[in-house]
N, C-alpha and C. Protein backbone atom coordinates (compact mmCIF):
# COMPACT_ATOMS: atom_id res chain seq x y z
N MET A 1 200.40 63.93 116.83
CA MET A 1 200.19 62.50 115.59
C MET A 1 200.45 61.23 116.54
N LEU A 2 199.27 60.27 116.42
CA LEU A 2 199.65 59.20 117.13
C LEU A 2 200.48 58.15 115.99
N THR A 3 201.23 57.20 116.61
CA THR A 3 201.62 56.15 115.85
C THR A 3 201.11 54.94 116.37
N ILE A 4 200.97 54.25 115.58
CA ILE A 4 200.24 52.84 115.94
C ILE A 4 201.27 52.02 115.38
N TYR A 5 201.55 50.83 116.00
CA TYR A 5 202.45 49.54 115.98
C TYR A 5 201.43 48.43 115.37
N ALA A 6 201.46 48.04 114.15
CA ALA A 6 200.39 47.01 113.77
C ALA A 6 200.61 46.16 112.62
N VAL A 7 200.18 45.20 112.54
CA VAL A 7 200.24 44.03 110.98
C VAL A 7 198.98 44.37 110.54
N PRO A 8 199.02 43.94 109.36
CA PRO A 8 197.82 44.11 108.38
C PRO A 8 196.47 43.40 108.82
N VAL A 9 196.62 41.92 109.03
CA VAL A 9 195.92 41.37 109.17
C VAL A 9 194.90 41.04 110.81
N SER A 10 195.83 41.71 111.58
CA SER A 10 195.15 41.36 113.03
C SER A 10 193.84 42.27 113.27
N VAL A 11 192.95 41.15 113.83
CA VAL A 11 191.52 41.80 113.86
C VAL A 11 191.67 43.04 114.96
N TYR A 12 192.27 42.99 115.98
CA TYR A 12 192.14 44.13 116.95
C TYR A 12 193.19 45.09 116.52
N ASN A 13 193.75 45.29 115.28
CA ASN A 13 194.29 46.38 114.74
C ASN A 13 193.42 46.89 113.97
N ALA A 14 192.49 46.13 113.27
CA ALA A 14 191.39 46.63 112.21
C ALA A 14 190.39 47.49 113.14
N LYS A 15 190.08 46.80 114.32
CA LYS A 15 189.10 47.21 115.38
C LYS A 15 189.72 48.78 115.73
N LEU A 16 190.99 48.91 116.09
CA LEU A 16 191.26 50.01 116.47
C LEU A 16 191.39 51.35 115.25
N ARG A 17 191.59 50.64 114.17
CA ARG A 17 191.42 51.70 113.07
C ARG A 17 190.26 51.98 112.77
N ILE A 18 189.19 51.30 113.19
CA ILE A 18 187.58 51.74 112.94
C ILE A 18 187.51 52.88 114.02
N LEU A 19 187.79 52.67 115.13
CA LEU A 19 187.86 53.89 116.06
C LEU A 19 188.01 55.20 115.68
N LEU A 20 189.46 55.11 115.27
CA LEU A 20 190.18 56.32 114.75
C LEU A 20 189.59 56.69 113.79
N ARG A 21 189.21 56.08 112.80
CA ARG A 21 188.72 56.70 111.56
C ARG A 21 187.34 57.27 111.79
N HIS A 22 186.54 56.63 112.93
CA HIS A 22 184.97 57.29 113.06
C HIS A 22 185.21 58.87 113.71
N LYS A 23 186.56 58.67 114.80
CA LYS A 23 186.82 59.95 115.61
C LYS A 23 187.06 60.75 114.80
N GLY A 24 188.27 60.50 113.44
CA GLY A 24 188.94 61.53 112.96
C GLY A 24 190.17 61.69 113.21
N VAL A 25 190.80 61.01 114.02
CA VAL A 25 191.92 61.03 114.86
C VAL A 25 193.02 60.43 113.62
N PRO A 26 194.00 61.88 113.25
CA PRO A 26 194.85 61.30 112.41
C PRO A 26 195.98 60.44 113.03
N PHE A 27 196.56 59.41 112.36
CA PHE A 27 197.48 58.50 112.81
C PHE A 27 198.46 57.83 111.51
N THR A 28 199.57 57.64 112.31
CA THR A 28 200.58 56.88 111.22
C THR A 28 200.45 55.42 111.94
N GLU A 29 200.73 54.56 110.89
CA GLU A 29 200.90 52.93 111.09
C GLU A 29 202.02 52.57 110.74
N LEU A 30 202.71 51.82 111.55
CA LEU A 30 204.15 51.18 111.13
C LEU A 30 204.14 49.59 111.49
N PRO A 31 204.77 49.18 111.28
CA PRO A 31 205.08 47.57 111.64
C PRO A 31 205.93 47.64 112.78
N PRO A 32 205.63 46.61 113.70
CA PRO A 32 206.55 46.65 115.04
C PRO A 32 208.25 46.56 114.47
N PRO A 33 209.01 47.76 115.06
CA PRO A 33 210.41 47.50 114.91
C PRO A 33 210.82 46.11 115.36
N GLY A 34 211.69 45.60 114.43
CA GLY A 34 212.01 44.48 114.05
C GLY A 34 211.15 43.27 113.88
N GLY A 35 210.07 43.41 114.01
CA GLY A 35 209.23 42.34 113.82
C GLY A 35 208.36 41.96 114.87
N TYR A 36 207.00 41.43 114.74
CA TYR A 36 206.45 40.97 115.95
C TYR A 36 207.08 40.07 116.68
N GLY A 37 206.95 40.22 117.72
CA GLY A 37 207.78 39.16 118.68
C GLY A 37 209.09 39.52 119.17
N SER A 38 209.42 40.65 118.35
CA SER A 38 211.10 40.46 118.35
C SER A 38 211.61 41.17 119.75
N ALA A 39 212.88 40.90 119.99
CA ALA A 39 213.50 41.63 121.23
C ALA A 39 213.35 43.05 121.01
N GLU A 40 213.70 43.78 120.03
CA GLU A 40 213.76 45.05 119.44
C GLU A 40 212.21 45.61 119.96
N TYR A 41 211.51 45.04 119.48
CA TYR A 41 209.84 45.26 119.80
C TYR A 41 209.45 45.38 121.12
N LYS A 42 209.98 44.16 121.87
CA LYS A 42 209.59 44.06 123.03
C LYS A 42 210.60 45.11 124.20
N SER A 43 211.54 45.68 123.66
CA SER A 43 212.28 46.59 124.37
C SER A 43 211.35 48.27 124.44
N LEU A 44 210.51 48.35 123.42
CA LEU A 44 209.82 49.39 123.46
C LEU A 44 208.39 49.11 124.03
N VAL A 45 207.50 47.76 123.64
CA VAL A 45 206.68 47.51 124.33
C VAL A 45 206.58 46.20 125.11
N PRO A 46 206.86 45.90 126.02
CA PRO A 46 207.20 44.75 126.85
C PRO A 46 206.62 43.54 126.48
N SER A 47 205.37 43.78 126.71
CA SER A 47 204.36 42.85 126.33
C SER A 47 204.52 42.32 125.03
N GLY A 48 204.97 42.88 124.19
CA GLY A 48 204.87 42.54 122.91
C GLY A 48 203.51 42.55 122.03
N ASN A 49 202.66 42.90 122.69
CA ASN A 49 201.37 42.80 122.04
C ASN A 49 201.09 43.94 121.01
N LEU A 50 200.24 43.45 120.01
CA LEU A 50 199.88 44.48 118.78
C LEU A 50 198.27 44.65 119.01
N PRO A 51 197.82 45.82 118.92
CA PRO A 51 198.37 46.98 118.55
C PRO A 51 199.03 47.72 119.76
N ALA A 52 199.79 48.78 119.56
CA ALA A 52 200.47 49.73 120.52
C ALA A 52 200.47 50.88 119.78
N MET A 53 200.22 52.15 120.64
CA MET A 53 200.32 53.16 120.29
C MET A 53 201.34 54.15 121.32
N VAL A 54 202.10 54.89 120.46
CA VAL A 54 202.98 55.88 120.92
C VAL A 54 202.54 57.27 120.69
N ARG A 55 202.64 58.11 121.57
CA ARG A 55 201.98 59.47 121.44
C ARG A 55 202.75 60.25 122.60
N GLY A 56 203.94 61.10 122.00
CA GLY A 56 204.52 61.76 122.92
C GLY A 56 205.56 60.56 123.84
N ASP A 57 205.45 60.86 125.14
CA ASP A 57 206.48 59.97 126.02
C ASP A 57 205.10 58.58 126.20
N LEU A 58 204.21 58.65 125.85
CA LEU A 58 203.19 57.68 126.22
C LEU A 58 203.46 56.43 125.08
N ILE A 59 203.59 55.39 125.92
CA ILE A 59 203.62 54.23 125.15
C ILE A 59 202.56 53.09 125.86
N LEU A 60 201.39 52.59 124.85
CA LEU A 60 200.43 51.89 125.52
C LEU A 60 200.17 50.74 124.26
N ALA A 61 199.86 49.48 124.93
CA ALA A 61 199.46 48.50 124.29
C ALA A 61 198.15 47.93 124.50
N ASP A 62 197.53 47.09 124.05
CA ASP A 62 196.24 46.71 124.14
C ASP A 62 195.48 47.37 123.57
N SER A 63 194.32 46.75 122.67
CA SER A 63 193.40 47.86 121.67
C SER A 63 192.45 48.25 122.39
N GLU A 64 191.90 47.62 123.37
CA GLU A 64 190.68 48.06 124.62
C GLU A 64 191.36 49.50 125.22
N ALA A 65 192.68 49.30 125.88
CA ALA A 65 193.37 50.02 126.87
C ALA A 65 193.39 51.49 125.69
N ILE A 66 194.14 50.94 124.47
CA ILE A 66 194.31 52.22 123.56
C ILE A 66 193.14 53.01 123.13
N ALA A 67 192.11 52.29 122.92
CA ALA A 67 190.35 52.86 122.56
C ALA A 67 189.98 53.78 123.76
N GLU A 68 190.12 53.02 124.96
CA GLU A 68 189.58 54.09 126.09
C GLU A 68 190.46 55.18 126.40
N TYR A 69 191.88 55.03 125.91
CA TYR A 69 192.48 56.24 126.31
C TYR A 69 192.11 57.52 125.03
N ILE A 70 192.15 56.91 123.98
CA ILE A 70 191.60 57.85 122.89
C ILE A 70 190.38 58.25 122.69
N GLU A 71 189.30 57.78 123.66
CA GLU A 71 188.06 58.09 123.91
C GLU A 71 188.26 59.41 124.65
N GLU A 72 189.13 59.36 125.73
CA GLU A 72 189.37 60.33 126.83
C GLU A 72 189.96 61.57 125.97
N ALA A 73 191.10 61.14 125.34
CA ALA A 73 191.91 62.40 124.49
C ALA A 73 191.47 63.02 123.55
N PHE A 74 190.25 62.20 123.08
CA PHE A 74 189.93 63.30 121.66
C PHE A 74 188.32 63.01 121.81
N PRO A 75 187.72 63.62 122.73
CA PRO A 75 186.33 63.27 123.12
C PRO A 75 185.09 63.83 122.53
N ASP A 76 185.49 64.48 121.04
CA ASP A 76 184.69 65.47 120.25
C ASP A 76 183.83 64.32 119.48
N THR A 77 184.01 63.14 119.44
CA THR A 77 182.96 62.20 118.47
C THR A 77 182.97 61.07 119.72
N PRO A 78 181.88 61.20 120.48
CA PRO A 78 182.07 60.23 121.66
C PRO A 78 181.51 58.79 121.28
N MET A 79 182.60 57.86 121.69
CA MET A 79 181.97 56.33 121.32
C MET A 79 181.64 55.56 122.47
N LEU A 80 181.47 56.40 123.76
CA LEU A 80 181.19 55.63 124.92
C LEU A 80 179.99 56.58 125.32
N PRO A 81 178.67 55.90 125.68
CA PRO A 81 177.58 56.59 126.39
C PRO A 81 177.73 57.56 127.60
N ASP A 82 177.26 58.46 127.57
CA ASP A 82 177.07 59.29 128.63
C ASP A 82 176.59 59.24 130.25
N THR A 83 176.15 58.13 130.49
CA THR A 83 175.94 57.54 131.92
C THR A 83 176.53 56.39 132.23
N ILE A 84 176.85 56.32 133.60
CA ILE A 84 177.53 55.18 134.01
C ILE A 84 177.17 53.60 133.65
N ASN A 85 175.54 53.84 133.96
CA ASN A 85 175.12 52.30 133.54
C ASN A 85 175.03 51.97 132.20
N LEU A 86 175.12 52.79 131.05
CA LEU A 86 174.87 52.49 129.78
C LEU A 86 176.58 52.45 129.35
N ARG A 87 177.49 52.80 130.09
CA ARG A 87 178.89 52.94 129.59
C ARG A 87 179.28 51.18 130.32
N ALA A 88 178.77 51.09 131.38
CA ALA A 88 178.76 49.66 131.71
C ALA A 88 178.50 48.56 130.76
N LYS A 89 177.20 48.78 130.57
CA LYS A 89 176.45 48.11 129.23
C LYS A 89 177.43 47.88 128.09
N ALA A 90 178.01 48.97 127.62
CA ALA A 90 179.14 48.93 126.39
C ALA A 90 179.90 48.20 126.54
N ARG A 91 180.79 48.03 127.87
CA ARG A 91 181.73 47.51 128.14
C ARG A 91 181.41 45.86 128.24
N GLU A 92 180.32 45.80 128.63
CA GLU A 92 180.01 44.15 128.81
C GLU A 92 179.74 43.70 127.37
N LYS A 93 179.22 44.77 126.25
CA LYS A 93 178.98 44.15 125.03
C LYS A 93 180.63 43.62 124.41
N SER A 94 181.49 44.72 124.81
CA SER A 94 182.96 44.45 124.34
C SER A 94 183.39 43.23 124.84
N ARG A 95 183.10 42.87 125.94
CA ARG A 95 183.85 41.58 126.37
C ARG A 95 183.35 40.66 125.84
N LEU A 96 182.01 40.75 125.37
CA LEU A 96 181.32 39.51 124.91
C LEU A 96 182.32 39.07 123.63
N HIS A 97 182.62 40.30 123.11
CA HIS A 97 183.28 39.76 121.83
C HIS A 97 184.62 39.55 122.11
N ASP A 98 185.33 40.30 123.03
CA ASP A 98 186.78 39.81 123.25
C ASP A 98 187.10 38.23 123.86
N THR A 99 186.27 38.49 124.76
CA THR A 99 186.47 37.07 125.64
C THR A 99 185.47 35.80 125.15
N ARG A 100 184.77 36.06 124.18
CA ARG A 100 183.79 34.90 123.97
C ARG A 100 184.07 34.46 122.29
N LEU A 101 183.13 35.62 121.53
CA LEU A 101 183.13 35.54 120.16
C LEU A 101 184.63 34.95 119.37
N GLU A 102 185.39 36.32 119.53
CA GLU A 102 186.81 36.37 119.05
C GLU A 102 187.60 35.20 119.23
N PRO A 103 187.73 35.11 120.54
CA PRO A 103 188.68 33.52 120.72
C PRO A 103 187.87 32.22 120.19
N ALA A 104 186.52 32.38 120.01
CA ALA A 104 185.85 31.22 119.11
C ALA A 104 186.33 31.14 117.65
N VAL A 105 186.38 32.14 116.98
CA VAL A 105 186.78 32.52 115.71
C VAL A 105 188.33 32.29 115.35
N ARG A 106 189.05 32.78 116.43
CA ARG A 106 190.40 32.44 116.28
C ARG A 106 191.04 30.95 116.50
N ALA A 107 190.09 30.49 117.26
CA ALA A 107 190.42 28.84 117.26
C ALA A 107 190.23 28.25 115.89
N ILE A 108 189.72 28.78 114.73
CA ILE A 108 189.64 28.04 113.67
C ILE A 108 190.83 28.35 112.54
N TYR A 109 191.60 29.54 113.27
CA TYR A 109 192.80 29.64 112.19
C TYR A 109 193.57 28.49 111.98
N PRO A 110 193.99 27.58 112.87
CA PRO A 110 194.64 26.46 112.71
C PRO A 110 194.36 25.64 111.54
N GLN A 111 192.73 25.84 111.41
CA GLN A 111 192.50 24.98 110.49
C GLN A 111 192.17 25.52 108.97
N VAL A 112 192.83 26.65 108.72
CA VAL A 112 192.90 27.52 107.51
C VAL A 112 193.62 26.64 106.42
N ALA A 113 194.56 26.60 106.72
CA ALA A 113 195.60 25.75 105.68
C ALA A 113 194.85 24.43 104.62
N TYR A 114 194.87 24.53 103.94
CA TYR A 114 194.12 23.40 103.30
C TYR A 114 194.74 21.90 103.65
N GLU A 115 196.13 21.79 103.42
CA GLU A 115 196.92 20.53 104.18
C GLU A 115 196.83 20.67 105.39
N GLY A 116 196.13 19.54 105.79
CA GLY A 116 196.14 19.13 107.38
C GLY A 116 194.92 19.81 107.88
N ARG A 117 193.92 19.96 106.94
CA ARG A 117 192.63 20.80 107.91
C ARG A 117 191.86 19.38 108.26
N ASP A 118 191.16 19.63 109.27
CA ASP A 118 190.36 18.49 110.16
C ASP A 118 189.08 18.96 109.86
N PRO A 119 188.37 18.26 109.13
CA PRO A 119 186.89 18.92 108.89
C PRO A 119 185.92 18.63 110.20
N GLU A 120 186.37 17.62 111.40
CA GLU A 120 185.72 17.67 112.26
C GLU A 120 186.04 18.72 113.05
N ALA A 121 187.02 19.05 112.93
CA ALA A 121 187.62 20.42 113.86
C ALA A 121 186.80 21.44 113.26
N VAL A 122 186.94 21.83 112.05
CA VAL A 122 185.76 22.97 111.50
C VAL A 122 184.56 22.94 111.85
N LYS A 123 183.96 21.64 112.00
CA LYS A 123 182.47 21.60 112.15
C LYS A 123 182.30 21.92 113.67
N ALA A 124 183.26 21.45 114.55
CA ALA A 124 183.04 21.80 115.92
C ALA A 124 183.09 23.19 116.23
N GLY A 125 184.19 23.94 115.35
CA GLY A 125 184.68 25.22 115.49
C GLY A 125 183.23 26.26 115.17
N GLY A 126 182.54 25.60 113.88
CA GLY A 126 181.19 26.46 113.56
C GLY A 126 180.15 26.13 114.74
N ALA A 127 180.12 25.12 115.37
CA ALA A 127 179.12 25.02 116.18
C ALA A 127 179.55 25.94 117.48
N ALA A 128 180.74 25.96 117.73
CA ALA A 128 180.95 26.99 118.91
C ALA A 128 180.80 28.23 118.49
N ILE A 129 181.18 28.86 117.37
CA ILE A 129 180.86 30.11 116.74
C ILE A 129 179.47 30.34 116.88
N SER A 130 178.55 29.57 116.49
CA SER A 130 177.11 29.78 116.32
C SER A 130 176.65 29.99 117.78
N LYS A 131 177.22 29.32 118.76
CA LYS A 131 176.54 29.19 119.88
C LYS A 131 176.85 30.70 120.83
N HIS A 132 177.91 31.39 120.52
CA HIS A 132 178.32 32.50 120.92
C HIS A 132 177.50 33.61 119.96
N LEU A 133 177.11 33.46 118.69
CA LEU A 133 176.21 34.45 117.80
C LEU A 133 174.85 34.04 118.25
N GLN A 134 174.25 33.08 118.78
CA GLN A 134 173.03 32.91 119.60
C GLN A 134 173.03 33.73 120.70
N SER A 135 174.32 33.93 121.81
CA SER A 135 173.94 34.56 122.83
C SER A 135 174.21 36.06 122.46
N LEU A 136 175.07 36.55 121.53
CA LEU A 136 174.81 37.98 120.91
C LEU A 136 173.39 38.08 120.62
N ALA A 137 172.96 37.49 120.01
CA ALA A 137 171.49 37.71 119.43
C ALA A 137 170.70 37.76 120.57
N LEU A 138 170.51 37.34 121.79
CA LEU A 138 170.10 37.49 122.92
C LEU A 138 170.38 39.08 123.48
N PHE A 139 171.67 39.29 124.00
CA PHE A 139 172.15 40.47 124.27
C PHE A 139 171.44 41.51 123.32
N LEU A 140 171.54 41.37 122.04
CA LEU A 140 171.00 42.44 121.31
C LEU A 140 169.27 42.89 121.41
N GLU A 141 168.55 41.69 121.87
CA GLU A 141 167.31 42.10 122.08
C GLU A 141 166.94 43.00 123.00
N THR A 142 167.67 43.10 124.08
CA THR A 142 167.76 44.01 125.11
C THR A 142 168.56 45.07 125.12
N ASP A 143 169.74 45.46 124.28
CA ASP A 143 170.78 46.13 124.19
C ASP A 143 170.18 47.64 124.30
N PRO A 144 170.60 48.35 125.40
CA PRO A 144 170.05 49.77 125.60
C PRO A 144 170.64 50.78 124.79
N LEU A 145 171.82 50.51 124.25
CA LEU A 145 172.51 51.65 123.43
C LEU A 145 172.03 52.13 122.16
N ASP A 146 171.97 53.29 122.13
CA ASP A 146 171.31 53.58 120.77
C ASP A 146 171.88 53.41 119.58
N THR A 147 170.97 53.13 118.48
CA THR A 147 171.57 51.83 117.62
C THR A 147 171.93 52.88 116.22
N LYS A 148 171.65 54.23 116.39
CA LYS A 148 171.99 55.15 115.36
C LYS A 148 173.54 55.29 115.45
N THR A 149 173.90 55.00 116.86
CA THR A 149 175.51 55.34 117.01
C THR A 149 176.25 54.32 116.84
N LEU A 150 177.59 54.29 116.27
CA LEU A 150 178.78 53.42 116.31
C LEU A 150 179.31 53.56 117.57
N TRP A 151 179.24 52.74 118.51
CA TRP A 151 179.81 52.69 119.82
C TRP A 151 181.71 51.91 119.55
N MET A 152 182.37 52.20 120.61
CA MET A 152 183.50 51.45 120.93
C MET A 152 183.42 49.86 120.75
N CYS A 153 182.38 49.43 121.51
CA CYS A 153 182.00 48.08 121.48
C CYS A 153 181.56 47.39 120.48
N ASP A 154 181.14 48.02 119.44
CA ASP A 154 180.88 47.68 117.94
C ASP A 154 181.80 47.42 117.14
N CYS A 155 183.01 48.11 117.30
CA CYS A 155 184.18 47.97 116.29
C CYS A 155 184.85 46.76 116.15
N GLY A 156 185.07 45.68 117.21
CA GLY A 156 185.39 44.29 117.15
C GLY A 156 184.49 43.38 116.34
N PHE A 157 183.20 43.78 116.62
CA PHE A 157 182.12 42.65 116.00
C PHE A 157 182.19 42.77 114.59
N ALA A 158 182.52 44.29 113.67
CA ALA A 158 182.36 44.44 112.41
C ALA A 158 183.43 43.47 111.76
N VAL A 159 184.52 43.47 112.24
CA VAL A 159 185.89 42.74 111.70
C VAL A 159 185.81 41.16 111.99
N THR A 160 185.32 40.82 113.17
CA THR A 160 185.02 39.51 113.60
C THR A 160 183.93 38.75 112.58
N PHE A 161 182.99 39.53 112.34
CA PHE A 161 181.64 39.20 111.41
C PHE A 161 182.51 38.99 110.03
N ALA A 162 183.32 39.71 109.89
CA ALA A 162 183.69 39.60 108.28
C ALA A 162 184.78 38.45 108.27
N TRP A 163 185.69 38.06 109.15
CA TRP A 163 186.05 36.60 109.32
C TRP A 163 185.17 35.60 109.04
N ILE A 164 184.24 35.73 109.93
CA ILE A 164 183.33 34.36 109.80
C ILE A 164 182.75 34.04 108.38
N LYS A 165 182.31 35.30 108.06
CA LYS A 165 181.70 34.76 106.88
C LYS A 165 182.66 34.66 105.38
N ALA A 166 183.98 34.77 105.69
CA ALA A 166 185.21 34.68 104.91
C ALA A 166 185.52 33.02 105.20
N PHE A 167 185.56 32.79 106.37
CA PHE A 167 185.92 31.29 106.68
C PHE A 167 184.48 30.32 106.12
N GLU A 168 183.28 30.82 105.97
CA GLU A 168 182.24 30.18 105.58
C GLU A 168 182.38 29.68 104.02
N VAL A 169 182.89 30.52 103.56
CA VAL A 169 183.57 30.47 101.88
C VAL A 169 184.41 29.57 101.94
N ALA A 170 185.69 29.90 102.52
CA ALA A 170 186.86 29.33 102.44
C ALA A 170 187.11 27.92 103.03
N LEU A 171 186.28 27.76 103.97
CA LEU A 171 186.60 26.56 104.65
C LEU A 171 185.31 25.83 104.83
N ASP A 172 184.07 26.08 104.24
CA ASP A 172 183.04 25.56 104.62
C ASP A 172 182.44 25.41 105.89
N LEU A 173 183.01 26.35 106.85
CA LEU A 173 182.44 26.63 107.95
C LEU A 173 181.00 26.71 108.20
N PRO A 174 180.37 25.99 109.05
CA PRO A 174 178.93 25.77 109.13
C PRO A 174 178.50 26.64 109.96
N ILE A 175 177.77 27.85 109.81
CA ILE A 175 177.18 29.06 110.90
C ILE A 175 175.77 28.89 110.84
N ASP A 176 175.45 29.27 111.81
CA ASP A 176 173.87 29.34 112.04
C ASP A 176 174.02 30.77 112.41
N TRP A 177 173.46 31.77 111.41
CA TRP A 177 173.40 33.29 111.92
C TRP A 177 171.95 33.55 112.06
N PRO A 178 171.86 34.09 113.39
CA PRO A 178 170.45 34.57 113.87
C PRO A 178 170.15 35.77 113.04
N ASP A 179 168.83 35.95 112.75
CA ASP A 179 168.30 37.23 112.03
C ASP A 179 169.01 38.35 112.54
N THR A 180 168.78 38.58 113.92
CA THR A 180 169.34 39.70 114.70
C THR A 180 170.53 40.06 114.34
N VAL A 181 171.64 39.18 114.39
CA VAL A 181 172.87 39.19 114.22
C VAL A 181 173.31 39.96 112.88
N LEU A 182 172.69 39.14 111.90
CA LEU A 182 172.82 39.85 110.32
C LEU A 182 172.34 41.35 110.48
N THR A 183 171.19 41.42 111.00
CA THR A 183 170.60 43.06 111.34
C THR A 183 171.55 44.25 111.83
N TYR A 184 172.15 43.45 112.87
CA TYR A 184 173.61 44.38 113.61
C TYR A 184 174.79 44.16 112.87
N ASP A 185 174.84 43.26 112.00
CA ASP A 185 176.02 43.37 110.98
C ASP A 185 176.01 44.19 109.90
N ALA A 186 174.74 44.44 109.23
CA ALA A 186 174.54 45.34 108.34
C ALA A 186 174.36 46.85 108.64
N ARG A 187 174.04 46.95 109.78
CA ARG A 187 173.97 48.33 110.50
C ARG A 187 175.19 49.05 110.78
N LEU A 188 176.30 47.95 111.27
CA LEU A 188 177.66 48.29 111.47
C LEU A 188 178.34 48.81 110.22
N ARG A 189 177.93 47.96 109.12
CA ARG A 189 178.49 48.25 107.72
C ARG A 189 178.01 49.54 107.15
N SER A 190 176.83 49.96 107.67
CA SER A 190 176.23 51.49 107.17
C SER A 190 177.15 52.49 107.63
N HIS A 191 177.88 52.23 108.66
CA HIS A 191 179.05 53.62 109.09
C HIS A 191 180.06 53.71 108.29
N THR A 192 180.21 54.85 107.97
CA THR A 192 181.50 55.16 106.78
C THR A 192 182.72 54.30 107.14
N ALA A 193 183.18 54.69 108.50
CA ALA A 193 184.34 53.96 109.41
C ALA A 193 184.59 52.76 108.98
N VAL A 194 183.47 51.99 109.16
CA VAL A 194 183.43 50.63 109.11
C VAL A 194 183.83 50.13 107.98
N GLU A 195 182.73 50.54 106.82
CA GLU A 195 183.08 50.38 105.20
C GLU A 195 184.43 50.40 104.93
N GLN A 196 184.90 51.61 105.17
CA GLN A 196 186.16 52.01 104.58
C GLN A 196 187.23 51.11 104.98
N GLU A 197 187.28 50.44 106.55
CA GLU A 197 188.15 49.73 107.30
C GLU A 197 188.10 48.49 106.45
N LEU A 198 186.71 48.00 106.33
CA LEU A 198 186.72 46.62 105.87
C LEU A 198 186.95 46.32 104.29
N THR A 199 187.09 47.44 103.43
CA THR A 199 187.31 47.42 102.30
C THR A 199 188.83 47.34 102.08
N GLN A 200 189.48 48.02 102.77
CA GLN A 200 191.06 48.27 102.70
C GLN A 200 191.55 46.78 103.46
N TYR A 201 191.01 45.99 104.68
CA TYR A 201 191.08 45.19 105.18
C TYR A 201 191.00 43.78 104.15
N GLN A 202 190.52 44.03 103.17
CA GLN A 202 189.98 42.90 102.49
C GLN A 202 191.25 42.24 101.63
N ALA A 203 192.07 43.15 101.55
CA ALA A 203 193.35 42.49 100.70
C ALA A 203 194.14 41.59 101.92
N ALA A 204 194.23 42.35 102.96
CA ALA A 204 195.07 41.27 103.94
C ALA A 204 194.27 40.03 104.21
N MET A 205 193.01 40.07 104.17
CA MET A 205 192.13 38.78 104.38
C MET A 205 192.63 37.77 103.36
N ASP A 206 192.29 38.48 102.20
CA ASP A 206 192.52 37.60 100.82
C ASP A 206 194.14 36.95 100.91
N THR A 207 194.84 37.70 101.15
CA THR A 207 196.52 37.10 101.19
C THR A 207 196.37 35.94 102.32
N TYR A 208 196.04 36.35 103.32
CA TYR A 208 195.82 34.99 104.69
C TYR A 208 195.38 33.52 104.14
N LEU A 209 194.07 33.87 103.20
CA LEU A 209 193.21 32.64 103.06
C LEU A 209 193.91 32.33 101.78
N GLU A 210 195.01 32.57 101.42
CA GLU A 210 195.41 32.01 99.99
C GLU A 210 195.80 30.52 100.62
N LYS A 211 196.26 30.09 101.48
CA LYS A 211 196.77 28.72 102.00
C LYS A 211 195.42 27.98 102.22
N ALA A 212 193.97 28.53 102.25
CA ALA A 212 193.15 27.54 102.37
C ALA A 212 192.61 26.96 101.01
N LYS A 213 193.34 27.39 99.77
CA LYS A 213 192.75 26.93 98.54
C LYS A 213 193.47 25.68 98.56
N ARG A 214 192.68 24.78 97.59
CA ARG A 214 193.22 23.18 97.21
C ARG A 214 194.61 23.71 96.66
N PRO A 215 195.87 22.96 96.70
CA PRO A 215 197.06 23.22 95.92
C PRO A 215 196.73 22.82 94.32
N SER A 216 197.13 23.61 93.30
CA SER A 216 197.21 23.07 92.15
C SER A 216 197.87 21.64 91.83
N LEU A 217 197.50 20.92 90.99
CA LEU A 217 198.10 19.60 90.58
C LEU A 217 199.12 20.07 89.52
């Protein structure tokens, strides 16, 4: 049995849960001992990163490292392609999410609270996210991966798209969605593991977005 240290609202925790659900790997999820960033947690996971995985004597942090380990340890439902070239393309796609799109979305989080929100920063953030969505659309036009399969590199996009849509509503975030990306999002949601995770994850998103509402008079 795997133990995953996680917090409910984290994108990368949700990304990992999609992979675990899809591969049918049983796991127990716990909050980090002592709380996120605590000395107690860092005594177990020196980086303090979430998620982290414990399996026997192995303690492993970082969602991508954990995902790659799980792919090798539980190979029955493969989530990486079977050729070196396609695996390289899958990893390229994953980096597009982790190093470009998700950081642009994360940059919006300081604007979530209604008090102190900067409309110009929200507008600029929407432009930055839209730019990365356009880059993703170009990537998808020549993506060689089988579109009927849920790949490891898809899991983060499913969660990040949900946040972008939530911010559109809660913050009036201006987003230009390419049709190709909307089609990709719908395809990801057609997978049971994605839909199950996003359904359960909605409660954490709603709680986080409470501070986006105008205070009652």
